[in-house]
Protein backbone atom coordinates (compact mmCIF):
# COMPACT_ATOMS: atom_id res chain seq x y z
CA MET A 1 -49.00 63.13 -28.78
CA TYR A 2 -48.46 66.72 -28.03
CA LEU A 3 -46.57 67.89 -31.25
CA LEU A 4 -49.66 65.82 -33.13
CA ILE A 5 -52.17 67.70 -31.08
CA LYS A 6 -50.34 70.86 -32.09
CA TYR A 7 -50.53 70.50 -35.72
CA PHE A 8 -54.05 69.72 -35.99
CA PHE A 9 -54.74 72.79 -34.01
CA ASP A 10 -52.80 74.82 -35.77
CA PHE A 11 -54.08 73.67 -38.86
CA ILE A 12 -57.71 73.77 -38.33
CA VAL A 13 -57.96 76.86 -36.62
CA SER A 14 -55.47 78.72 -38.96
CA PHE A 15 -57.83 77.78 -42.03
CA THR A 16 -60.76 78.64 -40.17
CA ALA A 17 -59.99 81.74 -38.93
CA ILE A 18 -58.60 82.58 -42.42
CA ILE A 19 -62.23 82.07 -43.86
CA ILE A 20 -64.05 83.82 -41.07
CA LEU A 21 -61.90 86.74 -41.23
CA LEU A 22 -61.69 87.12 -44.72
CA PRO A 23 -64.63 89.85 -44.87
CA PHE A 24 -62.99 91.86 -42.12
CA SER A 25 -59.38 91.45 -44.01
CA ALA A 26 -60.78 92.49 -47.54
CA PRO A 27 -61.69 96.40 -46.67
CA ILE A 28 -57.76 96.49 -45.24
CA MET A 29 -56.44 95.33 -48.19
CA ILE A 30 -58.38 97.65 -50.10
CA LEU A 31 -57.53 100.68 -47.89
CA LEU A 32 -54.18 99.54 -47.88
CA ARG A 33 -53.67 99.16 -51.83
CA PHE A 34 -55.40 102.83 -52.29
CA THR A 35 -53.22 104.51 -49.49
CA SER A 36 -49.85 105.46 -48.65
CA GLU A 37 -47.46 103.19 -51.66
CA GLY A 38 -50.20 100.98 -52.29
CA GLU A 39 -48.53 98.20 -50.74
CA VAL A 40 -50.59 95.61 -49.33
CA PHE A 41 -48.57 92.87 -47.79
CA TYR A 42 -44.80 92.77 -46.51
CA PHE A 43 -43.12 89.44 -46.91
CA GLN A 44 -39.76 89.30 -45.25
CA ASP A 45 -37.05 86.35 -44.70
CA ARG A 46 -36.89 85.45 -41.08
CA VAL A 47 -35.46 82.28 -39.28
CA GLY A 48 -37.33 79.68 -38.67
CA LEU A 49 -37.46 75.90 -37.31
CA LYS A 50 -34.13 74.35 -36.94
CA ASN A 51 -32.82 77.73 -38.36
CA LYS A 52 -33.89 77.67 -41.51
CA LYS A 53 -35.42 80.83 -43.41
CA PHE A 54 -38.82 81.55 -44.71
CA LYS A 55 -41.25 84.41 -45.78
CA ILE A 56 -43.05 85.86 -43.21
CA TRP A 57 -46.46 87.66 -44.38
CA LYS A 58 -47.53 91.02 -43.00
CA PHE A 59 -49.89 93.65 -43.50
CA ALA A 60 -47.86 96.62 -44.90
CA THR A 61 -47.33 99.29 -42.41
CA MET A 62 -44.02 100.97 -43.40
CA LEU A 63 -42.29 102.90 -46.21
CA LYS A 64 -40.87 100.90 -48.98
CA ASN A 65 -36.75 100.35 -48.01
CA SER A 66 -37.25 101.40 -44.87
CA SER A 67 -34.64 99.51 -43.01
CA LYS A 68 -32.30 101.60 -45.26
CA MET A 69 -33.98 104.66 -43.48
CA LYS A 70 -32.72 106.09 -40.54
CA GLY A 71 -33.72 104.09 -37.74
CA GLY A 72 -32.72 101.14 -39.53
CA TYR A 73 -34.39 97.76 -38.45
CA LEU A 74 -35.47 99.43 -34.93
CA THR A 75 -38.59 100.94 -34.89
CA THR A 76 -40.08 103.69 -32.32
CA ILE A 77 -43.64 104.85 -31.15
CA ASN A 78 -44.91 107.26 -34.34
CA ASP A 79 -41.89 106.10 -36.09
CA TYR A 80 -41.74 108.68 -39.29
CA ARG A 81 -41.37 105.67 -41.62
CA PHE A 82 -45.15 104.25 -40.74
CA THR A 83 -47.69 104.76 -43.56
CA PHE A 84 -50.93 106.41 -43.28
CA PHE A 85 -53.04 103.39 -42.08
CA GLY A 86 -49.90 101.46 -40.86
CA SER A 87 -49.21 103.03 -36.91
CA PHE A 88 -53.17 102.08 -36.68
CA LEU A 89 -52.85 98.22 -37.80
CA ARG A 90 -49.54 98.08 -35.58
CA LYS A 91 -50.71 99.29 -32.18
CA THR A 92 -53.61 96.89 -32.91
CA LYS A 93 -51.49 94.10 -34.06
CA ILE A 94 -53.91 93.75 -36.75
CA ASN A 95 -50.57 93.67 -39.06
CA GLU A 96 -49.86 90.23 -37.51
CA LEU A 97 -53.20 88.73 -39.29
CA PRO A 98 -51.46 87.36 -42.59
CA GLN A 99 -49.23 85.14 -40.22
CA LEU A 100 -52.11 82.95 -40.56
CA ILE A 101 -50.71 81.90 -43.92
CA ASN A 102 -47.66 80.48 -42.62
CA ILE A 103 -49.73 78.98 -39.87
CA LEU A 104 -51.52 77.02 -42.61
CA LEU A 105 -48.72 76.33 -44.53
CA GLY A 106 -46.75 74.72 -41.43
CA GLU A 107 -43.98 77.31 -41.23
CA MET A 108 -45.60 78.56 -38.03
CA SER A 109 -47.34 77.88 -35.08
CA PHE A 110 -49.93 79.89 -33.17
CA VAL A 111 -47.67 79.82 -30.13
CA GLY A 112 -43.34 79.85 -30.12
CA PRO A 113 -40.49 82.43 -30.20
CA ARG A 114 -41.03 85.15 -32.65
CA PRO A 115 -39.48 84.90 -35.57
CA VAL A 116 -36.93 87.54 -36.26
CA MET A 117 -34.65 88.41 -38.93
CA LYS A 118 -30.88 86.92 -39.41
CA VAL A 119 -29.28 90.06 -38.82
CA SER A 120 -31.60 89.85 -35.11
CA PHE A 121 -30.72 86.42 -35.15
CA ASP A 122 -27.36 86.95 -35.04
CA SER A 123 -27.58 88.85 -31.71
CA TYR A 124 -28.62 86.03 -29.87
CA PRO A 125 -25.85 84.50 -27.33
CA LYS A 126 -24.65 81.20 -28.96
CA LYS A 127 -26.47 79.11 -26.61
CA ILE A 128 -29.71 80.36 -27.40
CA LYS A 129 -29.10 80.32 -31.04
CA ASN A 130 -28.35 76.47 -30.69
CA ILE A 131 -31.84 75.87 -29.05
CA ILE A 132 -34.60 78.58 -29.85
CA TYR A 133 -35.52 77.38 -32.65
CA ASN A 134 -35.76 74.13 -31.93
CA VAL A 135 -39.65 74.65 -32.20
CA LYS A 136 -41.84 76.37 -34.64
CA PRO A 137 -42.03 80.09 -34.49
CA GLY A 138 -45.40 81.30 -33.25
CA LEU A 139 -47.42 84.28 -33.95
CA THR A 140 -47.48 84.80 -30.15
CA GLY A 141 -45.29 83.32 -27.49
CA ILE A 142 -44.60 84.57 -23.68
CA GLY A 143 -41.37 86.41 -25.22
CA SER A 144 -44.09 88.70 -27.80
CA ILE A 145 -46.39 89.28 -24.39
CA ILE A 146 -43.97 90.73 -22.44
CA PHE A 147 -42.43 92.75 -25.08
CA ARG A 148 -45.49 93.57 -26.79
CA ASP A 149 -45.02 97.58 -26.08
CA GLU A 150 -41.39 97.19 -27.59
CA GLU A 151 -41.62 99.99 -29.78
CA ARG A 152 -42.08 102.45 -26.60
CA LEU A 153 -38.98 100.61 -24.48
CA ILE A 154 -36.80 101.38 -27.74
CA THR A 155 -38.08 104.97 -28.07
CA ASN A 156 -37.60 105.71 -24.01
CA ILE A 157 -33.86 104.42 -24.30
CA THR A 158 -33.36 106.39 -27.50
CA ASN A 159 -34.68 109.45 -25.46
CA GLN A 160 -32.52 108.44 -23.15
CA GLY A 161 -29.44 108.76 -25.09
CA LYS A 162 -28.56 105.23 -25.08
CA ASP A 163 -27.79 103.04 -27.99
CA PRO A 164 -30.63 101.32 -28.83
CA ILE A 165 -28.68 98.62 -30.81
CA ASN A 166 -26.52 97.48 -27.98
CA PHE A 167 -29.54 97.79 -25.86
CA TYR A 168 -31.00 94.95 -27.79
CA LYS A 169 -27.40 93.30 -27.62
CA LYS A 170 -27.28 93.57 -23.92
CA LYS A 171 -30.49 93.18 -22.28
CA ILE A 172 -33.29 92.04 -24.70
CA TYR A 173 -32.09 89.80 -26.93
CA PRO A 174 -30.48 87.60 -23.72
CA TYR A 175 -33.89 87.77 -21.67
CA LYS A 176 -36.02 87.15 -25.14
CA GLY A 177 -33.73 83.56 -25.02
CA GLU A 178 -34.19 82.90 -21.81
CA LEU A 179 -37.93 83.07 -21.93
CA GLU A 180 -37.72 80.58 -25.11
CA ILE A 181 -36.15 78.41 -23.16
CA TRP A 182 -38.45 78.52 -20.26
CA TYR A 183 -41.04 77.87 -22.66
CA GLN A 184 -39.32 74.79 -24.23
CA ASN A 185 -39.25 73.84 -20.90
CA ASN A 186 -42.78 74.23 -19.90
CA GLN A 187 -44.31 73.38 -23.27
CA SER A 188 -47.75 71.43 -22.98
CA PHE A 189 -51.24 72.08 -24.93
CA LEU A 190 -52.48 73.58 -21.72
CA THR A 191 -49.33 76.23 -21.71
CA ASP A 192 -50.25 77.13 -25.27
CA CYS A 193 -53.69 77.46 -24.40
CA LYS A 194 -52.98 80.06 -21.64
CA LEU A 195 -50.39 82.24 -23.72
CA ILE A 196 -53.05 82.47 -26.28
CA MET A 197 -55.52 83.78 -23.25
CA VAL A 198 -53.23 86.05 -21.93
CA THR A 199 -52.61 87.31 -25.48
CA ILE A 200 -55.76 88.08 -26.10
CA TRP A 201 -56.01 89.73 -22.68
CA VAL A 202 -52.86 92.16 -23.10
CA VAL A 203 -54.47 93.23 -26.67
CA PHE A 204 -57.43 94.74 -25.01
CA PHE A 205 -55.93 95.87 -21.55
CA PRO A 206 -51.74 96.23 -22.72
CA LYS A 207 -50.73 97.62 -18.90
CA SER A 208 -51.63 94.41 -17.72
CA SER A 209 -48.91 91.98 -16.10
CA ILE A 210 -51.66 89.21 -16.10
CA HIS A 211 -48.82 86.88 -17.24
CA GLU A 212 -47.02 86.80 -13.88
CA ARG A 213 -50.13 85.29 -11.86
CA PHE A 214 -50.66 82.39 -14.79
CA PHE A 215 -46.55 82.01 -15.22
CA LYS A 216 -45.11 81.91 -11.92
CA THR A 217 -41.41 80.64 -12.40
CA LEU A 218 -40.50 83.16 -15.66
CA PRO A 219 -36.88 84.26 -15.42
CA LYS A 220 -36.82 87.21 -13.69
CA LYS A 221 -36.08 90.49 -15.85
CA SER A 222 -32.96 92.65 -14.62
CA PHE A 223 -34.23 95.72 -16.41
């Protein structure tokens, strides 16, 4: 019953949101088209349900071929590869809005583990890779909430002279995996509603730790 309710919620709310947000999205698309490199959308292969690949939709925020420039797939605060409008879109998470189309198409859900690139997926411990995408990836989720300031974290690690890629593999990905296993063990329509409400809250109050009050059984972070 939960999965059926979730399916209809995702379809109805994503369709409604796309229509309602169209007047808001149109000026963004026009501004992106006539600034920087003229790219409006960014499409990238991500790992999804049952570890199958799909194309994720985002508003373009970085220069073309940015993954081949210095920094690779990792981004930091005020990354030199951000476009004129890109930094604002990323900070406000507006760049994620086109994923409503992925939700409408049934490739994603509103709540679930964030879909990652294959190179990132391969950094998960094996036991996590076998479990994490037994559910649809989500626009938000417990991992997205806790690591909402990931670019700042990576910037701090880099400034300390540490290897950010090694930090990802040894610290971030194992903990993200534990969080997503926690979600699958506790998933319900009520949990999803709480995660959506907490997501909205931290968009406006990014330094808030409200998730600790909502979810008291979360795995402990070791860093």
